[in-house]
Amino acid sequence: MNDCTEVELLWLERRIENRIRFGRTTNEKTLDRSRRLLSFAPGSIFAFVRWVSNDFGTVISRIDILRAVSPGAPYSTVPYVKPGGESLLRVSGWPKVERVLQLIDAVEALGVNPADAAPDYWHHVHNRLSVNEKPRPYTQTRHQAWLRRQKVMR
Protein backbone atom coordinates (compact mmCIF):
# COMPACT_ATOMS: atom_id res chain seq x y z
CA MET A 1 0.00 0.00 0.00
CA ASN A 2 1.21 3.50 -0.84
CA ASP A 3 1.62 5.69 2.27
CA CYS A 4 1.92 8.87 0.22
CA THR A 5 -0.70 11.53 -0.33
CA GLU A 6 -1.48 11.87 -4.02
CA VAL A 7 -2.56 15.08 -5.75
CA GLU A 8 -4.00 15.13 -9.25
CA LEU A 9 -3.00 18.19 -11.22
CA LEU A 10 -5.28 19.16 -14.07
CA TRP A 11 -4.84 21.84 -16.70
CA LEU A 12 -7.44 22.70 -19.33
CA GLU A 13 -6.57 25.95 -21.07
CA ARG A 14 -8.68 28.89 -19.86
CA ARG A 15 -10.96 26.51 -17.90
CA ILE A 16 -9.26 24.63 -15.07
CA GLU A 17 -5.87 24.83 -13.43
CA ASN A 18 -4.82 22.74 -10.44
CA ARG A 19 -1.21 23.27 -9.45
CA ILE A 20 1.21 22.93 -6.59
CA ARG A 21 2.67 26.25 -5.42
CA PHE A 22 5.25 24.65 -3.11
CA GLY A 23 6.09 21.28 -1.62
CA ARG A 24 8.53 18.42 -2.05
CA THR A 25 7.23 15.57 -4.16
CA THR A 26 8.38 11.98 -3.85
CA ASN A 27 7.00 10.87 -7.21
CA GLU A 28 5.44 12.31 -10.34
CA LYS A 29 3.43 10.41 -12.94
CA THR A 30 2.03 11.81 -16.18
CA LEU A 31 -1.48 10.46 -16.76
CA ASP A 32 -2.17 12.23 -20.08
CA ARG A 33 -1.58 15.61 -21.77
CA SER A 34 -3.60 17.53 -19.21
CA ARG A 35 -3.19 15.48 -16.00
CA ARG A 36 -0.32 14.56 -13.69
CA LEU A 37 -0.25 12.76 -10.36
CA LEU A 38 2.15 13.96 -7.65
CA SER A 39 2.95 12.12 -4.42
CA PHE A 40 3.94 13.63 -1.07
CA ALA A 41 5.48 11.76 1.86
CA PRO A 42 3.63 11.74 5.20
CA GLY A 43 4.36 14.88 7.18
CA SER A 44 5.36 17.00 4.18
CA ILE A 45 3.65 20.34 3.66
CA PHE A 46 2.44 21.60 0.29
CA ALA A 47 0.23 24.30 -1.21
CA PHE A 48 -2.46 23.25 -3.67
CA VAL A 49 -4.00 25.99 -5.83
CA ARG A 50 -7.25 25.45 -7.75
CA TRP A 51 -8.74 27.80 -10.29
CA VAL A 52 -11.83 27.29 -12.47
CA SER A 53 -13.46 29.63 -14.97
CA ASN A 54 -16.31 29.63 -17.44
CA ASP A 55 -17.41 31.93 -20.27
CA PHE A 56 -18.27 34.67 -17.76
CA GLY A 57 -15.07 34.67 -15.71
CA THR A 58 -13.50 33.02 -12.68
CA VAL A 59 -15.81 30.69 -10.79
CA ILE A 60 -13.42 29.24 -8.19
CA SER A 61 -10.13 30.48 -6.75
CA ARG A 62 -8.85 28.44 -3.83
CA ILE A 63 -5.62 27.61 -2.06
CA ASP A 64 -5.14 24.87 0.50
CA ILE A 65 -1.96 24.41 2.48
CA LEU A 66 -1.96 20.81 3.63
CA ARG A 67 0.24 18.43 5.56
CA ALA A 68 0.33 14.94 4.03
CA VAL A 69 -1.04 12.41 6.52
CA SER A 70 0.23 9.04 7.71
CA PRO A 71 -1.97 5.99 7.22
CA GLY A 72 -4.72 5.89 9.85
CA ALA A 73 -4.33 9.55 10.83
CA PRO A 74 -7.35 11.88 10.66
CA TYR A 75 -7.57 14.15 7.63
CA SER A 76 -9.75 16.64 5.79
CA THR A 77 -10.97 15.74 2.33
CA VAL A 78 -9.98 18.04 -0.51
CA PRO A 79 -10.96 17.56 -4.15
CA TYR A 80 -8.14 15.99 -6.20
CA VAL A 81 -6.20 15.03 -3.03
CA LYS A 82 -6.19 11.35 -2.07
CA PRO A 83 -6.88 10.49 0.69
CA GLY A 84 -6.82 14.11 1.93
CA GLY A 85 -4.58 16.07 4.25
CA GLU A 86 -4.31 17.91 7.53
CA SER A 87 -5.59 21.37 6.68
CA LEU A 88 -3.27 24.17 7.77
CA LEU A 89 -4.91 26.84 5.62
CA ARG A 90 -7.96 26.92 3.38
CA VAL A 91 -8.83 30.14 1.58
CA SER A 92 -11.16 30.87 -1.30
CA GLY A 93 -11.88 33.99 -3.33
CA TRP A 94 -9.24 35.66 -5.45
CA PRO A 95 -8.36 38.58 -3.11
CA LYS A 96 -7.56 36.21 -0.24
CA VAL A 97 -5.82 33.67 -2.49
CA GLU A 98 -3.69 36.47 -3.92
CA ARG A 99 -2.80 37.59 -0.38
CA VAL A 100 -1.69 34.06 0.55
CA LEU A 101 0.43 33.85 -2.61
CA GLN A 102 2.08 37.15 -1.60
CA LEU A 103 2.79 35.77 1.89
CA ILE A 104 4.34 32.65 0.34
CA ASP A 105 6.54 34.92 -1.80
CA ALA A 106 7.55 36.83 1.36
CA VAL A 107 8.59 33.58 3.10
CA GLU A 108 10.67 32.65 0.04
CA ALA A 109 12.25 36.13 0.06
CA LEU A 110 13.64 35.27 3.51
CA GLY A 111 15.45 32.33 1.94
CA VAL A 112 13.07 29.84 3.58
CA ASN A 113 11.29 27.15 1.60
CA PRO A 114 7.58 27.59 2.51
CA ALA A 115 7.36 23.80 2.95
CA ASP A 116 9.84 24.19 5.84
CA ALA A 117 8.05 27.13 7.49
CA ALA A 118 6.34 26.58 10.84
CA PRO A 119 2.94 24.94 10.28
CA ASP A 120 1.57 27.21 13.02
CA TYR A 121 2.27 30.16 10.74
CA TRP A 122 -0.08 28.82 8.07
CA HIS A 123 -2.76 28.33 10.77
CA HIS A 124 -2.19 31.92 11.85
CA VAL A 125 -2.58 33.19 8.27
CA HIS A 126 -5.79 31.17 7.83
CA ASN A 127 -7.27 32.50 11.08
CA ARG A 128 -6.37 36.13 10.39
CA LEU A 129 -7.64 36.11 6.80
CA SER A 130 -10.88 34.41 7.83
CA VAL A 131 -11.74 37.47 9.95
CA ASN A 132 -10.35 40.00 7.43
CA GLU A 133 -7.32 40.87 9.55
CA LYS A 134 -3.75 41.31 8.37
CA PRO A 135 -1.49 38.33 9.21
CA ARG A 136 1.84 38.98 10.91
CA PRO A 137 4.80 38.43 8.59
CA TYR A 138 6.96 35.34 8.88
CA THR A 139 10.41 36.26 10.18
CA GLN A 140 13.83 34.64 10.46
CA THR A 141 13.44 34.78 14.27
CA ARG A 142 10.18 32.84 14.07
CA HIS A 143 11.73 30.35 11.68
CA GLN A 144 14.76 29.80 13.93
CA ALA A 145 12.42 29.23 16.90
CA TRP A 146 10.53 26.63 14.84
CA LEU A 147 13.77 24.86 13.89
CA ARG A 148 14.89 24.77 17.54
CA ARG A 149 11.50 23.45 18.65
CA GLN A 150 11.74 20.67 16.04
CA LYS A 151 15.22 19.74 17.28
CA VAL A 152 14.01 19.51 20.90
CA MET A 153 10.95 17.42 19.95
CA ARG A 154 13.07 14.74 18.20
C-alpha atoms as a PDB file:
ATOM      1  CA  MET A   1       0.000   0.000   0.000  1.00  0.00           C
ATOM      2  CA  ASN A   2       1.214   3.496  -0.841  1.00  0.00           C
ATOM      3  CA  ASP A   3       1.615   5.685   2.270  1.00  0.00           C
ATOM      4  CA  CYS A   4       1.920   8.870   0.220  1.00  0.00           C
ATOM      5  CA  THR A   5      -0.698  11.533  -0.326  1.00  0.00           C
ATOM      6  CA  GLU A   6      -1.484  11.872  -4.022  1.00  0.00           C
ATOM      7  CA  VAL A   7      -2.558  15.083  -5.746  1.00  0.00           C
ATOM      8  CA  GLU A   8      -3.998  15.129  -9.246  1.00  0.00           C
ATOM      9  CA  LEU A   9      -3.003  18.191 -11.219  1.00  0.00           C
ATOM     10  CA  LEU A  10      -5.284  19.162 -14.073  1.00  0.00           C
ATOM     11  CA  TRP A  11      -4.845  21.844 -16.700  1.00  0.00           C
ATOM     12  CA  LEU A  12      -7.443  22.697 -19.329  1.00  0.00           C
ATOM     13  CA  GLU A  13      -6.570  25.945 -21.075  1.00  0.00           C
ATOM     14  CA  ARG A  14      -8.683  28.891 -19.862  1.00  0.00           C
ATOM     15  CA  ARG A  15     -10.964  26.515 -17.902  1.00  0.00           C
ATOM     16  CA  ILE A  16      -9.257  24.632 -15.071  1.00  0.00           C
ATOM     17  CA  GLU A  17      -5.869  24.834 -13.431  1.00  0.00           C
ATOM     18  CA  ASN A  18      -4.825  22.744 -10.438  1.00  0.00           C
ATOM     19  CA  ARG A  19      -1.215  23.270  -9.449  1.00  0.00           C
ATOM     20  CA  ILE A  20       1.212  22.934  -6.587  1.00  0.00           C
ATOM     21  CA  ARG A  21       2.668  26.253  -5.417  1.00  0.00           C
ATOM     22  CA  PHE A  22       5.249  24.645  -3.111  1.00  0.00           C
ATOM     23  CA  GLY A  23       6.090  21.281  -1.621  1.00  0.00           C
ATOM     24  CA  ARG A  24       8.528  18.415  -2.046  1.00  0.00           C
ATOM     25  CA  THR A  25       7.231  15.572  -4.161  1.00  0.00           C
ATOM     26  CA  THR A  26       8.380  11.981  -3.854  1.00  0.00           C
ATOM     27  CA  ASN A  27       7.001  10.867  -7.207  1.00  0.00           C
ATOM     28  CA  GLU A  28       5.442  12.312 -10.344  1.00  0.00           C
ATOM     29  CA  LYS A  29       3.433  10.413 -12.938  1.00  0.00           C
ATOM     30  CA  THR A  30       2.031  11.807 -16.181  1.00  0.00           C
ATOM     31  CA  LEU A  31      -1.476  10.460 -16.764  1.00  0.00           C
ATOM     32  CA  ASP A  32      -2.172  12.233 -20.075  1.00  0.00           C
ATOM     33  CA  ARG A  33      -1.582  15.606 -21.768  1.00  0.00           C
ATOM     34  CA  SER A  34      -3.604  17.533 -19.209  1.00  0.00           C
ATOM     35  CA  ARG A  35      -3.191  15.482 -16.004  1.00  0.00           C
ATOM     36  CA  ARG A  36      -0.315  14.558 -13.691  1.00  0.00           C
ATOM     37  CA  LEU A  37      -0.255  12.759 -10.361  1.00  0.00           C
ATOM     38  CA  LEU A  38       2.146  13.962  -7.645  1.00  0.00           C
ATOM     39  CA  SER A  39       2.948  12.120  -4.419  1.00  0.00           C
ATOM     40  CA  PHE A  40       3.941  13.634  -1.067  1.00  0.00           C
ATOM     41  CA  ALA A  41       5.485  11.761   1.861  1.00  0.00           C
ATOM     42  CA  PRO A  42       3.628  11.736   5.199  1.00  0.00           C
ATOM     43  CA  GLY A  43       4.358  14.883   7.180  1.00  0.00           C
ATOM     44  CA  SER A  44       5.357  16.997   4.182  1.00  0.00           C
ATOM     45  CA  ILE A  45       3.647  20.339   3.660  1.00  0.00           C
ATOM     46  CA  PHE A  46       2.439  21.599   0.293  1.00  0.00           C
ATOM     47  CA  ALA A  47       0.227  24.298  -1.207  1.00  0.00           C
ATOM     48  CA  PHE A  48      -2.462  23.254  -3.668  1.00  0.00           C
ATOM     49  CA  VAL A  49      -3.996  25.993  -5.835  1.00  0.00           C
ATOM     50  CA  ARG A  50      -7.247  25.455  -7.749  1.00  0.00           C
ATOM     51  CA  TRP A  51      -8.739  27.803 -10.294  1.00  0.00           C
ATOM     52  CA  VAL A  52     -11.832  27.292 -12.474  1.00  0.00           C
ATOM     53  CA  SER A  53     -13.464  29.634 -14.966  1.00  0.00           C
ATOM     54  CA  ASN A  54     -16.314  29.626 -17.436  1.00  0.00           C
ATOM     55  CA  ASP A  55     -17.406  31.925 -20.266  1.00  0.00           C
ATOM     56  CA  PHE A  56     -18.274  34.669 -17.759  1.00  0.00           C
ATOM     57  CA  GLY A  57     -15.065  34.674 -15.708  1.00  0.00           C
ATOM     58  CA  THR A  58     -13.501  33.023 -12.679  1.00  0.00           C
ATOM     59  CA  VAL A  59     -15.806  30.689 -10.787  1.00  0.00           C
ATOM     60  CA  ILE A  60     -13.417  29.236  -8.185  1.00  0.00           C
ATOM     61  CA  SER A  61     -10.131  30.481  -6.749  1.00  0.00           C
ATOM     62  CA  ARG A  62      -8.854  28.441  -3.828  1.00  0.00           C
ATOM     63  CA  ILE A  63      -5.620  27.606  -2.064  1.00  0.00           C
ATOM     64  CA  ASP A  64      -5.142  24.872   0.497  1.00  0.00           C
ATOM     65  CA  ILE A  65      -1.960  24.413   2.479  1.00  0.00           C
ATOM     66  CA  LEU A  66      -1.957  20.813   3.631  1.00  0.00           C
ATOM     67  CA  ARG A  67       0.238  18.429   5.556  1.00  0.00           C
ATOM     68  CA  ALA A  68       0.332  14.935   4.028  1.00  0.00           C
ATOM     69  CA  VAL A  69      -1.037  12.413   6.516  1.00  0.00           C
ATOM     70  CA  SER A  70       0.229   9.039   7.707  1.00  0.00           C
ATOM     71  CA  PRO A  71      -1.974   5.988   7.217  1.00  0.00           C
ATOM     72  CA  GLY A  72      -4.723   5.891   9.846  1.00  0.00           C
ATOM     73  CA  ALA A  73      -4.328   9.550  10.829  1.00  0.00           C
ATOM     74  CA  PRO A  74      -7.350  11.877  10.660  1.00  0.00           C
ATOM     75  CA  TYR A  75      -7.566  14.154   7.626  1.00  0.00           C
ATOM     76  CA  SER A  76      -9.748  16.636   5.788  1.00  0.00           C
ATOM     77  CA  THR A  77     -10.969  15.741   2.334  1.00  0.00           C
ATOM     78  CA  VAL A  78      -9.979  18.039  -0.506  1.00  0.00           C
ATOM     79  CA  PRO A  79     -10.961  17.555  -4.148  1.00  0.00           C
ATOM     80  CA  TYR A  80      -8.137  15.993  -6.201  1.00  0.00           C
ATOM     81  CA  VAL A  81      -6.198  15.030  -3.035  1.00  0.00           C
ATOM     82  CA  LYS A  82      -6.189  11.354  -2.071  1.00  0.00           C
ATOM     83  CA  PRO A  83      -6.877  10.489   0.685  1.00  0.00           C
ATOM     84  CA  GLY A  84      -6.818  14.106   1.928  1.00  0.00           C
ATOM     85  CA  GLY A  85      -4.581  16.071   4.252  1.00  0.00           C
ATOM     86  CA  GLU A  86      -4.306  17.908   7.526  1.00  0.00           C
ATOM     87  CA  SER A  87      -5.592  21.371   6.677  1.00  0.00           C
ATOM     88  CA  LEU A  88      -3.271  24.167   7.770  1.00  0.00           C
ATOM     89  CA  LEU A  89      -4.910  26.841   5.620  1.00  0.00           C
ATOM     90  CA  ARG A  90      -7.964  26.921   3.376  1.00  0.00           C
ATOM     91  CA  VAL A  91      -8.834  30.137   1.582  1.00  0.00           C
ATOM     92  CA  SER A  92     -11.163  30.870  -1.303  1.00  0.00           C
ATOM     93  CA  GLY A  93     -11.877  33.989  -3.329  1.00  0.00           C
ATOM     94  CA  TRP A  94      -9.240  35.658  -5.453  1.00  0.00           C
ATOM     95  CA  PRO A  95      -8.362  38.583  -3.112  1.00  0.00           C
ATOM     96  CA  LYS A  96      -7.557  36.213  -0.236  1.00  0.00           C
ATOM     97  CA  VAL A  97      -5.824  33.667  -2.494  1.00  0.00           C
ATOM     98  CA  GLU A  98      -3.688  36.469  -3.924  1.00  0.00           C
ATOM     99  CA  ARG A  99      -2.801  37.594  -0.381  1.00  0.00           C
ATOM    100  CA  VAL A 100      -1.692  34.055   0.554  1.00  0.00           C
ATOM    101  CA  LEU A 101       0.427  33.851  -2.609  1.00  0.00           C
ATOM    102  CA  GLN A 102       2.077  37.154  -1.599  1.00  0.00           C
ATOM    103  CA  LEU A 103       2.788  35.773   1.887  1.00  0.00           C
ATOM    104  CA  ILE A 104       4.340  32.651   0.337  1.00  0.00           C
ATOM    105  CA  ASP A 105       6.537  34.921  -1.802  1.00  0.00           C
ATOM    106  CA  ALA A 106       7.552  36.829   1.362  1.00  0.00           C
ATOM    107  CA  VAL A 107       8.587  33.581   3.100  1.00  0.00           C
ATOM    108  CA  GLU A 108      10.666  32.649   0.043  1.00  0.00           C
ATOM    109  CA  ALA A 109      12.249  36.128   0.064  1.00  0.00           C
ATOM    110  CA  LEU A 110      13.641  35.266   3.514  1.00  0.00           C
ATOM    111  CA  GLY A 111      15.451  32.328   1.938  1.00  0.00           C
ATOM    112  CA  VAL A 112      13.071  29.838   3.576  1.00  0.00           C
ATOM    113  CA  ASN A 113      11.293  27.146   1.604  1.00  0.00           C
ATOM    114  CA  PRO A 114       7.578  27.592   2.509  1.00  0.00           C
ATOM    115  CA  ALA A 115       7.360  23.797   2.952  1.00  0.00           C
ATOM    116  CA  ASP A 116       9.838  24.193   5.840  1.00  0.00           C
ATOM    117  CA  ALA A 117       8.047  27.132   7.488  1.00  0.00           C
ATOM    118  CA  ALA A 118       6.341  26.578  10.840  1.00  0.00           C
ATOM    119  CA  PRO A 119       2.939  24.939  10.278  1.00  0.00           C
ATOM    120  CA  ASP A 120       1.575  27.206  13.016  1.00  0.00           C
ATOM    121  CA  TYR A 121       2.272  30.161  10.745  1.00  0.00           C
ATOM    122  CA  TRP A 122      -0.078  28.823   8.072  1.00  0.00           C
ATOM    123  CA  HIS A 123      -2.762  28.331  10.770  1.00  0.00           C
ATOM    124  CA  HIS A 124      -2.190  31.923  11.853  1.00  0.00           C
ATOM    125  CA  VAL A 125      -2.581  33.188   8.271  1.00  0.00           C
ATOM    126  CA  HIS A 126      -5.787  31.173   7.834  1.00  0.00           C
ATOM    127  CA  ASN A 127      -7.267  32.500  11.078  1.00  0.00           C
ATOM    128  CA  ARG A 128      -6.374  36.127  10.391  1.00  0.00           C
ATOM    129  CA  LEU A 129      -7.643  36.111   6.805  1.00  0.00           C
ATOM    130  CA  SER A 130     -10.883  34.406   7.833  1.00  0.00           C
ATOM    131  CA  VAL A 131     -11.737  37.474   9.951  1.00  0.00           C
ATOM    132  CA  ASN A 132     -10.346  39.996   7.431  1.00  0.00           C
ATOM    133  CA  GLU A 133      -7.317  40.867   9.552  1.00  0.00           C
ATOM    134  CA  LYS A 134      -3.748  41.308   8.368  1.00  0.00           C
ATOM    135  CA  PRO A 135      -1.490  38.335   9.212  1.00  0.00           C
ATOM    136  CA  ARG A 136       1.836  38.975  10.909  1.00  0.00           C
ATOM    137  CA  PRO A 137       4.800  38.432   8.594  1.00  0.00           C
ATOM    138  CA  TYR A 138       6.962  35.338   8.882  1.00  0.00           C
ATOM    139  CA  THR A 139      10.414  36.260  10.183  1.00  0.00           C
ATOM    140  CA  GLN A 140      13.830  34.639  10.463  1.00  0.00           C
ATOM    141  CA  THR A 141      13.438  34.781  14.268  1.00  0.00           C
ATOM    142  CA  ARG A 142      10.176  32.839  14.075  1.00  0.00           C
ATOM    143  CA  HIS A 143      11.727  30.352  11.681  1.00  0.00           C
ATOM    144  CA  GLN A 144      14.763  29.802  13.933  1.00  0.00           C
ATOM    145  CA  ALA A 145      12.419  29.234  16.904  1.00  0.00           C
ATOM    146  CA  TRP A 146      10.533  26.629  14.844  1.00  0.00           C
ATOM    147  CA  LEU A 147      13.766  24.857  13.892  1.00  0.00           C
ATOM    148  CA  ARG A 148      14.886  24.765  17.543  1.00  0.00           C
ATOM    149  CA  ARG A 149      11.497  23.449  18.647  1.00  0.00           C
ATOM    150  CA  GLN A 150      11.738  20.667  16.044  1.00  0.00           C
ATOM    151  CA  LYS A 151      15.218  19.740  17.280  1.00  0.00           C
ATOM    152  CA  VAL A 152      14.005  19.514  20.902  1.00  0.00           C
ATOM    153  CA  MET A 153      10.948  17.421  19.951  1.00  0.00           C
ATOM    154  CA  ARG A 154      13.071  14.742  18.199  1.00  0.00           C
END
